[in-house]
Amino acid sequence: MTPKVADKVWPRLMLYSLPLLFLGVFFFYPLINIFRLSLTAAAVQTVLSRAHFWRTIWFTIWQAGLSTLLTLLVGLPAAYLFARYAFRGKSWLRAAATIPFVMPTVVVAAAFRALLGANGPLNRALMALLALEQPPLRLEQTLAIILLAHIFYNVAVVVRLLGGFWSNLNPRLAEAAQTLGASPRRTFWEVTLPLLRPPLISASLLIYLFTFTSFGVILILGGPRYSTIETEIYRQYVTYLQPDVAALLSLLQILFTFGLMAAYGRWQRQAAVALDFRPQQATARPPQTVAQRLVVGALVFGLLAFLLTPLLTLVWRSLTDPAGQLTLAYYQALPVSRRGSITFISPLLAVRNSLGYALLTVIVAGSVGLLSATLLARPSRWRGWLEPVFMLPLGASAVTLGFSYVVSYRALRTSPLLVLAAHVLVAFPFVVRSLLPALQGIRPSLREAAAIMGASPARVWREIDLPLVGRALLVGVVFAFTISMGEFGATSFIARPNSGYLTLPIAIERYLSQPGALNFGQALAMSTLLMLVCAAGFVAIERFRYADVGEF
């Protein structure tokens, strides 16, 4: 290599090594520390000898399975609705069905507490209807409310994955079976369902992974009675001051989640089969008969009621006092830092902190993600292992990441820099996934023509690549902004109440955990603001995403 060529190659090589350096410092090194800390005889003996930990592990496993099954039962009719029928407002309903999935867990938990709590509208309506003096529904800190929140949160996975695949299946396959005498039920079980098996299993694995690693829903809605591995890691470290036990549980969590991610990726690769696909416009038809109209109407109404009622109740409860009168008192109290407050800062300052973290996350995650996607888009023998490495943070739970940071960087354990690093690590794989298809779609001849005309590599990137990937980059940074605004698991370990750097989700959880109408009302007001920001981010992603980037 000549000196002139080396002068050009080494700066580029150093630039592209930045994403790997970032992963090494803020992902692999902390996880190695978790592994080292967990390998103690005391921790192993404690976990193996106490029935409480075995119950926690078993509850984590079976509640995730039950949540997955119930989500599929609710999601299958919705997927069928979007796959086979064309009706007015279908695109808006599909977007509404996805909004809960992009909501932070604290917002979902607050919405269900607002709807199903003792003073919620459902209990009030039943008390007035049945002339009762006490609320008939006691769902707070029960398994039922946890399962409802998980279904609400993950039904979009079924709608997106299964509904999208189903809508492209050739309907003549089922029509041919019915022509040969098969009943609609037999046609579904023997023709349609086998064809839907690949996306059905993929959706099941994803939902199981999401519910297995559920943290905010369990912590807020389950209370001390219900504990998963995620919440137990938090309690063992924060409450019981046993970092070695928390590390061993984190190791179990890492092994299980990475195993699930590997199974999901392997299944996706093996499940690819050649089918006679049709465009959605050709397979979806308006309902013709009265029975079909009734089915479509019932499904649309039921889906809207299930998905929008908790969110609309959240907004309504944030605007009404305990007597049901309209008020802006909860929003007017957001700038006030009350004496004895458990957050030590005003809720409005928590909003400002979250916005600051989100903007910095956009800058850092956008830069790291752009470098990573550019590196992956170039033909290279290293790409086969680089892409899985860049996607590894998707398989690690935010709780495990937050815990690994505080045990690895003790000098920075309350620093806002660690919070920013956690947000960037969680967000940057989404930036990579948004940018990579767009970069791979650029024809090499465009770059070659610009280079032949004398353009430098920097100018080629600035004047060829950047304009073509601008929409995808916008989607990526919106992803980063939205994820940062709602990040709860990792931040709950790092941000201490007296640090002054609490974020909006942490403030919401702390206000929800305290008694008093004002605390609850302020939590709902903050949740409403966070919900609106995340919903606006989702609308932007749907508007500007490249092809189907943003699907699961």
Protein backbone atom coordinates (compact mmCIF):
# COMPACT_ATOMS: atom_id res chain seq x y z
CA MET A 1 0.00 0.00 0.00
CA THR A 2 1.51 3.32 -1.07
CA PRO A 3 1.69 6.20 1.45
CA LYS A 4 -0.90 8.19 -0.55
CA VAL A 5 -3.37 5.28 -0.52
CA ALA A 6 -2.68 4.66 3.18
CA ASP A 7 -3.41 8.31 3.95
CA LYS A 8 -6.89 7.81 2.43
CA VAL A 9 -7.62 4.36 3.85
CA TRP A 10 -6.65 4.81 7.50
CA PRO A 11 -8.94 7.78 8.26
CA ARG A 12 -11.85 5.90 6.68
CA LEU A 13 -10.97 2.75 8.62
CA MET A 14 -10.79 4.70 11.88
CA LEU A 15 -14.13 6.34 11.13
CA TYR A 16 -15.87 3.03 10.46
CA SER A 17 -14.34 1.52 13.62
CA LEU A 18 -16.24 3.99 15.81
CA PRO A 19 -19.45 1.89 15.94
CA LEU A 20 -17.45 -1.19 16.98
CA LEU A 21 -15.62 0.87 19.61
CA PHE A 22 -18.95 2.14 20.92
CA LEU A 23 -20.34 -1.40 21.14
CA GLY A 24 -17.18 -2.63 22.83
CA VAL A 25 -17.27 0.04 25.54
CA PHE A 26 -21.01 0.23 26.19
CA PHE A 27 -22.25 -3.26 25.33
CA PHE A 28 -19.68 -6.06 25.38
CA TYR A 29 -17.57 -4.80 28.29
CA PRO A 30 -20.57 -4.30 30.65
CA LEU A 31 -21.99 -7.72 29.71
CA ILE A 32 -18.62 -9.35 30.41
CA ASN A 33 -18.71 -7.71 33.84
CA ILE A 34 -22.17 -9.20 34.42
CA PHE A 35 -20.75 -12.63 33.59
CA ARG A 36 -17.80 -12.10 35.94
CA LEU A 37 -19.93 -10.80 38.80
CA SER A 38 -22.45 -13.63 38.55
CA LEU A 39 -19.91 -16.44 38.93
CA THR A 40 -19.84 -16.51 42.72
CA ALA A 41 -20.71 -19.48 44.88
CA ALA A 42 -22.82 -17.29 47.18
CA ALA A 43 -25.00 -16.05 44.32
CA VAL A 44 -25.49 -19.50 42.83
CA GLN A 45 -26.36 -20.98 46.23
CA THR A 46 -28.78 -18.15 47.01
CA VAL A 47 -30.68 -18.50 43.73
CA LEU A 48 -30.76 -22.30 43.77
CA SER A 49 -31.74 -22.67 47.43
CA ARG A 50 -34.61 -20.17 47.66
CA ALA A 51 -38.04 -21.13 46.42
CA HIS A 52 -38.81 -17.46 45.75
CA PHE A 53 -36.40 -17.35 42.79
CA TRP A 54 -37.76 -20.58 41.33
CA ARG A 55 -41.29 -19.16 41.56
CA THR A 56 -40.10 -15.96 39.88
CA ILE A 57 -38.46 -17.83 37.00
CA TRP A 58 -41.48 -20.09 36.57
CA PHE A 59 -43.89 -17.13 36.66
CA THR A 60 -41.79 -15.32 34.04
CA ILE A 61 -41.96 -18.35 31.74
CA TRP A 62 -45.65 -19.18 32.01
CA GLN A 63 -47.04 -15.65 32.09
CA ALA A 64 -45.13 -14.92 28.86
CA GLY A 65 -46.64 -18.05 27.32
CA LEU A 66 -50.16 -17.17 28.46
CA SER A 67 -49.74 -13.56 27.29
CA THR A 68 -48.60 -14.82 23.88
CA LEU A 69 -51.55 -17.20 23.52
CA LEU A 70 -54.11 -14.55 24.50
CA THR A 71 -52.51 -11.99 22.19
CA LEU A 72 -52.78 -14.41 19.29
CA LEU A 73 -56.45 -15.09 20.09
CA VAL A 74 -57.20 -11.37 20.01
CA GLY A 75 -54.89 -10.60 17.09
CA LEU A 76 -55.97 -13.33 14.66
CA PRO A 77 -59.46 -11.86 14.00
CA ALA A 78 -57.88 -8.43 13.57
CA ALA A 79 -55.30 -9.84 11.13
CA TYR A 80 -58.12 -11.51 9.18
CA LEU A 81 -60.00 -8.20 9.05
CA PHE A 82 -57.06 -6.33 7.54
CA ALA A 83 -56.08 -9.20 5.22
CA ARG A 84 -59.39 -9.96 3.55
CA TYR A 85 -61.61 -6.87 3.69
CA ALA A 86 -61.39 -3.41 2.16
CA PHE A 87 -63.36 -0.74 4.01
CA ARG A 88 -63.32 2.98 4.59
CA GLY A 89 -60.73 4.12 7.11
CA LYS A 90 -58.74 0.87 6.90
CA SER A 91 -55.33 2.61 6.79
CA TRP A 92 -56.24 4.78 9.79
CA LEU A 93 -57.42 1.75 11.76
CA ARG A 94 -54.20 -0.11 10.93
CA ALA A 95 -52.21 2.85 12.21
CA ALA A 96 -54.35 3.02 15.35
CA ALA A 97 -53.71 -0.68 15.94
CA THR A 98 -49.96 -0.04 15.92
CA ILE A 99 -49.90 3.02 18.18
CA PRO A 100 -50.06 1.00 21.45
CA PHE A 101 -46.90 -0.89 20.43
CA VAL A 102 -44.87 2.33 20.22
CA MET A 103 -46.17 3.60 23.55
CA PRO A 104 -43.72 3.49 26.50
CA THR A 105 -44.62 0.85 29.08
CA VAL A 106 -45.21 3.49 31.74
CA VAL A 107 -47.85 5.12 29.52
CA VAL A 108 -49.59 1.78 28.96
CA ALA A 109 -49.51 1.05 32.70
CA ALA A 110 -50.86 4.51 33.53
CA ALA A 111 -53.63 4.13 30.93
CA PHE A 112 -54.83 0.82 32.37
CA ARG A 113 -54.72 2.15 35.92
CA ALA A 114 -56.76 5.14 34.78
CA LEU A 115 -59.32 2.88 33.09
CA LEU A 116 -59.56 -0.07 35.51
CA GLY A 117 -58.62 1.53 38.83
CA ALA A 118 -61.03 1.79 41.74
CA ASN A 119 -62.00 5.34 40.66
CA GLY A 120 -61.86 4.61 36.96
CA PRO A 121 -64.80 5.21 34.61
CA LEU A 122 -65.56 1.50 34.26
CA ASN A 123 -65.98 0.99 37.99
CA ARG A 124 -67.95 4.20 38.32
CA ALA A 125 -70.32 3.16 35.55
CA LEU A 126 -70.86 -0.28 37.13
CA MET A 127 -71.43 1.25 40.57
CA ALA A 128 -74.04 3.64 39.17
CA LEU A 129 -75.68 0.92 37.07
CA LEU A 130 -75.83 -1.69 39.84
CA ALA A 131 -76.32 0.75 42.74
CA LEU A 132 -73.14 -0.44 44.48
CA GLU A 133 -71.21 1.38 47.18
CA GLN A 134 -67.87 -0.30 46.45
CA PRO A 135 -66.05 -0.75 43.10
CA PRO A 136 -66.93 -4.22 41.75
CA LEU A 137 -63.70 -4.59 39.76
CA ARG A 138 -60.53 -4.98 41.81
CA LEU A 139 -57.97 -5.47 39.07
CA GLU A 140 -55.04 -3.40 40.33
CA GLN A 141 -52.01 -5.57 41.13
CA THR A 142 -53.62 -8.68 39.65
CA LEU A 143 -52.57 -11.05 36.90
CA ALA A 144 -55.61 -10.03 34.85
CA ILE A 145 -54.50 -6.42 34.39
CA ILE A 146 -50.97 -7.57 33.50
CA LEU A 147 -52.32 -9.87 30.79
CA LEU A 148 -54.64 -7.17 29.44
CA ALA A 149 -51.74 -4.72 29.19
CA HIS A 150 -49.56 -7.30 27.42
CA ILE A 151 -52.32 -8.05 24.89
CA PHE A 152 -52.90 -4.34 24.33
CA TYR A 153 -49.18 -3.75 23.87
CA ASN A 154 -48.42 -6.64 21.49
CA VAL A 155 -51.53 -7.12 19.33
CA ALA A 156 -49.84 -4.89 16.74
CA VAL A 157 -47.21 -7.60 16.19
CA VAL A 158 -49.93 -10.00 15.02
CA VAL A 159 -51.63 -7.36 12.90
CA ARG A 160 -48.38 -6.31 11.21
CA LEU A 161 -46.65 -9.66 10.74
CA LEU A 162 -49.55 -12.04 10.26
CA GLY A 163 -52.00 -9.59 8.67
CA GLY A 164 -49.42 -8.35 6.18
CA PHE A 165 -48.50 -11.89 5.10
CA TRP A 166 -52.13 -13.04 5.01
CA SER A 167 -53.19 -10.11 2.82
CA ASN A 168 -50.71 -11.21 0.12
CA LEU A 169 -51.87 -14.84 -0.03
CA ASN A 170 -53.72 -15.81 -3.20
CA PRO A 171 -57.41 -16.21 -2.13
CA ARG A 172 -57.96 -18.72 -4.96
CA LEU A 173 -56.22 -21.39 -2.86
CA ALA A 174 -59.02 -21.26 -0.30
CA GLU A 175 -61.65 -20.87 -3.02
CA ALA A 176 -60.37 -24.01 -4.74
CA ALA A 177 -60.64 -25.99 -1.50
CA GLN A 178 -64.25 -24.84 -1.00
CA THR A 179 -65.06 -25.70 -4.62
CA LEU A 180 -63.90 -29.24 -3.86
CA GLY A 181 -66.38 -29.42 -0.99
CA ALA A 182 -64.37 -28.26 2.02
CA SER A 183 -66.26 -26.21 4.60
CA PRO A 184 -64.92 -22.76 5.56
CA ARG A 185 -63.67 -24.18 8.87
CA ARG A 186 -61.86 -27.09 7.20
CA THR A 187 -60.44 -24.74 4.56
CA PHE A 188 -58.96 -22.56 7.31
CA TRP A 189 -57.43 -25.46 9.25
CA GLU A 190 -56.07 -27.42 6.28
CA VAL A 191 -55.19 -24.70 3.75
CA THR A 192 -54.91 -21.22 5.24
CA LEU A 193 -53.40 -22.02 8.63
CA PRO A 194 -50.49 -24.14 7.26
CA LEU A 195 -49.65 -21.30 4.87
CA LEU A 196 -49.73 -18.83 7.79
CA ARG A 197 -47.47 -20.95 9.97
CA PRO A 198 -44.19 -19.06 9.24
CA PRO A 199 -45.44 -15.57 10.24
CA LEU A 200 -47.54 -17.09 13.05
CA ILE A 201 -44.52 -18.70 14.67
CA SER A 202 -42.40 -15.59 14.08
CA ALA A 203 -45.03 -13.40 15.74
CA SER A 204 -45.33 -15.86 18.64
CA LEU A 205 -41.57 -15.83 19.25
CA LEU A 206 -41.47 -12.02 19.20
CA ILE A 207 -44.45 -11.64 21.54
CA TYR A 208 -43.00 -14.22 23.93
CA LEU A 209 -39.70 -12.32 23.93
CA PHE A 210 -41.42 -9.00 24.62
CA THR A 211 -43.55 -10.38 27.45
CA PHE A 212 -40.70 -12.44 28.92
CA THR A 213 -38.65 -9.23 29.25
CA SER A 214 -41.59 -7.09 30.38
CA PHE A 215 -40.50 -4.67 33.10
CA GLY A 216 -42.56 -1.50 33.35
CA VAL A 217 -45.93 -3.29 33.07
CA ILE A 218 -45.02 -5.82 35.79
CA LEU A 219 -43.41 -3.25 38.09
CA ILE A 220 -46.29 -0.75 37.96
CA LEU A 221 -49.34 -2.96 37.48
CA GLY A 222 -48.17 -6.11 39.27
CA GLY A 223 -46.85 -4.49 42.41
CA PRO A 224 -44.84 -6.51 44.95
CA ARG A 225 -47.07 -9.56 44.55
CA TYR A 226 -45.90 -10.42 41.03
CA SER A 227 -42.26 -10.52 40.04
CA THR A 228 -40.48 -11.56 36.85
CA ILE A 229 -36.76 -11.98 36.28
CA GLU A 230 -36.63 -8.37 35.09
CA THR A 231 -38.25 -6.85 38.18
CA GLU A 232 -36.33 -9.23 40.44
CA ILE A 233 -33.02 -7.98 39.01
CA TYR A 234 -34.13 -4.46 39.86
CA ARG A 235 -35.25 -5.32 43.39
CA GLN A 236 -32.21 -7.44 44.21
CA TYR A 237 -29.89 -4.58 43.30
CA VAL A 238 -31.84 -1.48 44.36
CA THR A 239 -33.79 -2.79 47.36
CA TYR A 240 -31.80 -5.75 48.74
CA LEU A 241 -28.31 -4.58 47.67
CA GLN A 242 -27.27 -7.97 46.30
CA PRO A 243 -25.49 -7.21 43.01
CA ASP A 244 -24.12 -10.75 42.64
CA VAL A 245 -27.62 -12.26 42.79
CA ALA A 246 -28.90 -9.62 40.37
CA ALA A 247 -25.96 -10.43 38.07
CA LEU A 248 -26.76 -14.15 38.06
CA LEU A 249 -30.40 -13.43 37.20
CA SER A 250 -29.20 -11.06 34.47
CA LEU A 251 -27.00 -13.80 33.05
CA LEU A 252 -29.98 -16.15 32.89
CA GLN A 253 -31.97 -13.40 31.21
CA ILE A 254 -29.22 -12.77 28.63
CA LEU A 255 -28.86 -16.45 27.75
CA PHE A 256 -32.61 -16.90 27.36
CA THR A 257 -33.25 -13.75 25.31
CA PHE A 258 -30.29 -14.33 23.01
CA GLY A 259 -31.50 -17.91 22.55
CA LEU A 260 -34.94 -16.64 21.58
CA MET A 261 -33.44 -14.08 19.18
CA ALA A 262 -31.31 -16.79 17.57
CA ALA A 263 -34.36 -19.05 17.22
CA TYR A 264 -36.35 -16.19 15.70
CA GLY A 265 -33.61 -15.39 13.17
CA ARG A 266 -33.10 -19.05 12.26
CA TRP A 267 -36.82 -19.62 11.83
CA GLN A 268 -37.14 -16.58 9.58
CA ARG A 269 -34.34 -17.89 7.35
CA GLN A 270 -35.72 -21.43 7.17
CA ALA A 271 -39.38 -20.45 6.80
CA ALA A 272 -38.90 -18.61 3.52
CA VAL A 273 -40.94 -20.51 0.91
CA ALA A 274 -42.07 -19.69 -2.61
CA LEU A 275 -45.77 -18.83 -2.63
CA ASP A 276 -48.15 -17.36 -5.16
CA PHE A 277 -48.42 -13.90 -3.62
CA ARG A 278 -50.87 -11.26 -4.76
CA PRO A 279 -50.95 -7.51 -4.07
CA GLN A 280 -53.17 -6.45 -1.18
CA GLN A 281 -55.40 -4.43 -3.52
CA ALA A 282 -56.32 -7.66 -5.35
CA THR A 283 -56.99 -9.82 -2.28
CA ALA A 284 -58.95 -7.43 -0.06
CA ARG A 285 -62.58 -6.94 -1.08
CA PRO A 286 -65.44 -4.89 0.38
CA PRO A 287 -67.92 -6.89 2.48
CA GLN A 288 -70.75 -8.06 0.24
CA THR A 289 -73.35 -9.81 2.38
CA VAL A 290 -75.13 -8.62 5.51
CA ALA A 291 -73.23 -11.21 7.56
CA GLN A 292 -69.90 -9.94 6.26
CA ARG A 293 -70.85 -6.34 7.05
CA LEU A 294 -71.83 -7.35 10.56
CA VAL A 295 -68.53 -9.21 11.05
CA VAL A 296 -66.47 -6.28 9.75
CA GLY A 297 -68.44 -3.80 11.85
CA ALA A 298 -68.08 -5.88 14.99
CA LEU A 299 -64.34 -6.38 14.48
CA VAL A 300 -63.72 -2.70 13.75
CA PHE A 301 -65.75 -1.58 16.76
CA GLY A 302 -64.16 -4.15 19.07
CA LEU A 303 -60.63 -3.32 17.95
CA LEU A 304 -61.18 0.43 18.31
CA ALA A 305 -62.77 0.00 21.73
CA PHE A 306 -59.94 -2.21 23.02
CA LEU A 307 -57.10 -0.09 21.63
CA LEU A 308 -58.36 3.45 22.09
CA THR A 309 -60.41 3.25 25.30
CA PRO A 310 -57.36 3.07 27.65
CA LEU A 311 -55.56 5.90 25.84
CA LEU A 312 -58.62 8.14 25.66
CA THR A 313 -59.35 7.42 29.31
CA LEU A 314 -55.80 8.47 30.14
CA VAL A 315 -56.37 11.84 28.47
CA TRP A 316 -59.81 12.26 30.07
CA ARG A 317 -58.63 11.42 33.59
CA SER A 318 -55.74 13.89 33.24
CA LEU A 319 -58.31 16.62 32.59
CA THR A 320 -60.80 15.80 35.37
CA ASP A 321 -60.65 15.98 39.15
CA PRO A 322 -61.82 13.17 41.51
CA ALA A 323 -65.36 14.58 41.32
CA GLY A 324 -65.39 14.29 37.53
CA GLN A 325 -65.17 18.04 36.88
CA LEU A 326 -62.98 19.38 34.08
CA THR A 327 -59.77 20.93 35.33
CA LEU A 328 -56.27 21.87 34.19
CA ALA A 329 -54.90 21.69 37.71
CA TYR A 330 -52.71 18.65 37.03
CA TYR A 331 -51.05 20.33 34.05
CA GLN A 332 -50.72 23.63 35.90
CA ALA A 333 -48.92 21.79 38.71
CA LEU A 334 -46.26 20.34 36.40
CA PRO A 335 -43.82 23.28 36.77
CA VAL A 336 -44.05 23.13 40.57
CA SER A 337 -41.51 21.26 42.67
CA ARG A 338 -43.41 20.52 45.87
CA ARG A 339 -41.69 20.18 49.21
CA GLY A 340 -41.10 16.54 50.08
CA SER A 341 -41.50 15.43 46.47
CA ILE A 342 -40.01 11.99 45.83
CA THR A 343 -38.42 13.17 42.58
CA PHE A 344 -36.65 16.27 44.00
CA ILE A 345 -37.45 18.08 40.76
CA SER A 346 -40.60 19.40 39.14
CA PRO A 347 -42.36 17.23 36.55
CA LEU A 348 -41.75 19.92 33.94
CA LEU A 349 -38.01 19.65 34.56
CA ALA A 350 -38.29 15.89 33.95
CA VAL A 351 -39.94 16.73 30.61
CA ARG A 352 -37.03 19.04 29.79
CA ASN A 353 -34.51 16.34 30.76
CA SER A 354 -36.22 13.78 28.53
CA LEU A 355 -36.25 16.19 25.59
CA GLY A 356 -32.56 16.92 26.13
CA TYR A 357 -31.65 13.22 26.26
CA ALA A 358 -33.79 12.54 23.18
CA LEU A 359 -32.14 15.29 21.11
CA LEU A 360 -28.66 14.12 22.10
CA THR A 361 -29.68 10.53 21.34
CA VAL A 362 -30.78 11.63 17.87
CA ILE A 363 -27.35 13.18 17.23
CA VAL A 364 -25.22 10.33 18.62
CA ALA A 365 -27.39 7.38 17.56
CA GLY A 366 -27.95 8.96 14.15
CA SER A 367 -24.19 9.37 13.63
CA VAL A 368 -23.25 5.90 14.91
CA GLY A 369 -26.14 4.29 13.03
CA LEU A 370 -25.25 6.09 9.80
CA LEU A 371 -21.63 4.93 10.02
CA SER A 372 -22.75 1.37 10.81
CA ALA A 373 -25.27 1.23 7.95
CA THR A 374 -22.74 2.71 5.49
CA LEU A 375 -20.20 0.08 6.53
CA LEU A 376 -22.73 -2.74 6.15
CA ALA A 377 -23.93 -1.49 2.76
CA ARG A 378 -20.47 -1.81 1.22
CA PRO A 379 -19.52 -5.22 -0.21
CA SER A 380 -17.19 -6.88 2.28
CA ARG A 381 -16.29 -10.33 3.55
CA TRP A 382 -16.86 -9.04 7.09
CA ARG A 383 -20.49 -8.11 6.56
CA GLY A 384 -21.75 -11.63 7.41
CA TRP A 385 -20.75 -11.22 11.06
CA LEU A 386 -20.88 -7.43 11.37
CA GLU A 387 -24.63 -7.16 10.81
CA PRO A 388 -25.56 -9.63 13.63
CA VAL A 389 -23.09 -7.84 15.93
CA PHE A 390 -24.75 -4.48 15.30
CA MET A 391 -28.17 -6.01 15.99
CA LEU A 392 -27.15 -7.71 19.26
CA PRO A 393 -28.39 -4.82 21.49
CA LEU A 394 -31.94 -5.63 20.31
CA GLY A 395 -31.68 -8.96 22.16
CA ALA A 396 -30.49 -7.51 25.46
CA SER A 397 -33.11 -6.19 27.85
CA ALA A 398 -32.84 -2.56 28.91
CA VAL A 399 -32.90 -3.63 32.56
CA THR A 400 -29.84 -5.81 32.08
CA LEU A 401 -28.07 -2.98 30.24
CA GLY A 402 -28.81 -0.48 32.98
CA PHE A 403 -27.63 -2.87 35.67
CA SER A 404 -24.46 -3.71 33.74
CA TYR A 405 -23.66 0.01 33.48
CA VAL A 406 -23.92 0.75 37.20
CA VAL A 407 -21.68 -2.21 38.12
CA SER A 408 -19.17 -1.51 35.34
CA TYR A 409 -18.86 2.27 35.61
CA ARG A 410 -19.18 2.95 39.31
CA ALA A 411 -17.55 6.37 39.05
CA LEU A 412 -20.25 7.41 36.56
CA ARG A 413 -23.16 5.51 38.09
CA THR A 414 -25.28 8.66 38.58
CA SER A 415 -23.90 10.55 35.59
CA PRO A 416 -26.22 11.68 32.81
CA LEU A 417 -23.59 10.39 30.38
CA LEU A 418 -24.51 6.80 31.28
CA VAL A 419 -28.19 7.55 30.70
CA LEU A 420 -27.32 8.95 27.27
CA ALA A 421 -25.14 5.91 26.46
CA ALA A 422 -28.00 3.57 27.39
CA HIS A 423 -30.47 5.48 25.23
CA VAL A 424 -28.09 5.49 22.28
CA LEU A 425 -27.38 1.77 22.59
CA VAL A 426 -31.08 0.92 22.63
CA ALA A 427 -31.88 3.26 19.73
CA PHE A 428 -29.04 2.91 17.25
CA PRO A 429 -29.99 -0.59 15.89
CA PHE A 430 -33.29 0.94 14.77
CA VAL A 431 -31.36 3.65 12.91
CA VAL A 432 -29.29 0.95 11.20
CA ARG A 433 -32.42 -1.01 10.23
CA SER A 434 -33.98 2.15 8.81
CA LEU A 435 -30.95 3.18 6.76
CA LEU A 436 -29.55 -0.12 5.50
CA PRO A 437 -32.27 -0.98 2.90
CA ALA A 438 -32.09 2.54 1.49
CA LEU A 439 -28.30 2.47 1.22
CA GLN A 440 -28.37 -0.98 -0.37
CA GLY A 441 -30.93 0.29 -2.88
CA ILE A 442 -28.56 2.89 -4.33
CA ARG A 443 -27.20 1.75 -7.69
CA PRO A 444 -23.37 1.56 -7.66
CA SER A 445 -23.30 3.11 -11.14
CA LEU A 446 -24.41 6.44 -9.65
CA ARG A 447 -21.40 6.55 -7.33
CA GLU A 448 -19.07 5.32 -10.09
CA ALA A 449 -20.27 8.00 -12.51
CA ALA A 450 -19.72 10.72 -9.90
CA ALA A 451 -16.23 9.37 -9.11
CA ILE A 452 -15.31 9.28 -12.81
CA MET A 453 -16.31 12.95 -13.07
CA GLY A 454 -13.83 13.76 -10.31
CA ALA A 455 -16.00 13.85 -7.20
CA SER A 456 -14.26 12.91 -3.95
CA PRO A 457 -15.74 10.13 -1.76
CA ALA A 458 -16.99 12.78 0.68
CA ARG A 459 -18.70 14.69 -2.11
CA VAL A 460 -20.19 11.49 -3.55
CA TRP A 461 -21.68 10.70 -0.15
CA ARG A 462 -22.93 14.26 0.34
CA GLU A 463 -24.45 14.75 -3.12
CA ILE A 464 -25.46 11.18 -4.11
CA ASP A 465 -26.04 9.04 -1.02
CA LEU A 466 -27.45 11.58 1.43
CA PRO A 467 -30.27 12.92 -0.80
CA LEU A 468 -31.34 9.35 -1.63
CA VAL A 469 -31.38 8.13 1.99
CA GLY A 470 -32.75 11.33 3.50
CA ARG A 471 -36.21 9.88 4.18
CA ALA A 472 -34.76 6.73 5.74
CA LEU A 473 -32.44 8.83 7.90
CA LEU A 474 -35.41 10.88 9.04
CA VAL A 475 -37.22 7.67 10.02
CA GLY A 476 -34.15 6.50 11.93
CA VAL A 477 -33.75 9.68 13.96
CA VAL A 478 -37.47 9.74 14.74
CA PHE A 479 -37.12 6.17 15.99
CA ALA A 480 -34.19 7.28 18.15
CA PHE A 481 -36.09 10.28 19.52
CA THR A 482 -39.21 8.27 20.36
CA ILE A 483 -37.29 5.39 21.94
CA SER A 484 -35.26 7.79 24.08
CA MET A 485 -38.36 9.65 25.26
CA GLY A 486 -39.96 6.40 26.47
CA GLU A 487 -36.89 4.49 27.74
CA PHE A 488 -37.55 3.25 31.26
CA GLY A 489 -35.72 0.01 32.10
CA ALA A 490 -32.07 1.10 31.85
CA THR A 491 -32.71 4.62 33.13
CA SER A 492 -34.41 3.28 36.27
CA PHE A 493 -31.05 1.85 37.39
CA ILE A 494 -28.91 4.86 36.55
CA ALA A 495 -31.01 7.95 37.39
CA ARG A 496 -31.24 8.46 41.15
CA PRO A 497 -34.04 10.57 42.72
CA ASN A 498 -31.66 13.25 43.97
CA SER A 499 -29.57 13.47 40.79
CA GLY A 500 -31.66 16.14 39.11
CA TYR A 501 -31.53 14.18 35.85
CA LEU A 502 -34.71 12.16 36.16
CA THR A 503 -36.52 11.51 32.90
CA LEU A 504 -40.23 11.65 32.20
CA PRO A 505 -40.91 7.87 32.40
CA ILE A 506 -39.08 7.64 35.76
CA ALA A 507 -41.07 10.58 37.12
CA ILE A 508 -44.34 8.98 35.93
CA GLU A 509 -43.53 5.70 37.71
CA ARG A 510 -42.61 7.46 40.94
CA TYR A 511 -45.75 9.60 40.96
CA LEU A 512 -47.91 6.55 40.22
CA SER A 513 -46.38 4.73 43.17
CA GLN A 514 -47.39 7.46 45.65
CA PRO A 515 -50.84 7.96 47.19
CA GLY A 516 -52.86 11.10 46.61
CA ALA A 517 -55.07 12.46 43.85
CA LEU A 518 -52.56 15.16 42.88
CA ASN A 519 -49.70 12.68 42.44
CA PHE A 520 -51.91 10.40 40.35
CA GLY A 521 -53.24 13.31 38.28
CA GLN A 522 -49.76 14.64 37.56
CA ALA A 523 -48.65 11.15 36.51
CA LEU A 524 -51.58 11.00 34.08
CA ALA A 525 -50.78 14.47 32.74
CA MET A 526 -47.15 13.52 32.13
CA SER A 527 -48.25 10.22 30.55
CA THR A 528 -50.57 12.10 28.19
CA LEU A 529 -47.76 14.39 27.06
CA LEU A 530 -45.45 11.42 26.51
CA MET A 531 -48.20 9.56 24.64
CA LEU A 532 -48.73 12.51 22.28
CA VAL A 533 -45.00 12.78 21.55
CA CYS A 534 -44.69 9.05 20.80
CA ALA A 535 -47.86 9.05 18.66
CA ALA A 536 -46.53 11.99 16.65
CA GLY A 537 -43.25 10.12 16.18
CA PHE A 538 -45.10 7.05 14.93
CA VAL A 539 -47.09 9.13 12.43
CA ALA A 540 -43.82 10.59 11.13
CA ILE A 541 -42.28 7.12 10.80
CA GLU A 542 -45.30 5.84 8.85
CA ARG A 543 -45.19 8.90 6.62
CA PHE A 544 -41.49 8.87 5.74
CA ARG A 545 -40.28 5.27 6.09
CA TYR A 546 -38.52 3.58 3.19
CA ALA A 547 -40.66 0.74 1.76
CA ASP A 548 -41.59 -1.54 4.68
CA VAL A 549 -38.80 -0.47 7.03
CA GLY A 550 -40.30 -0.20 10.47
CA GLU A 551 -42.01 -3.58 10.28
CA PHE A 552 -40.83 -6.15 12.77
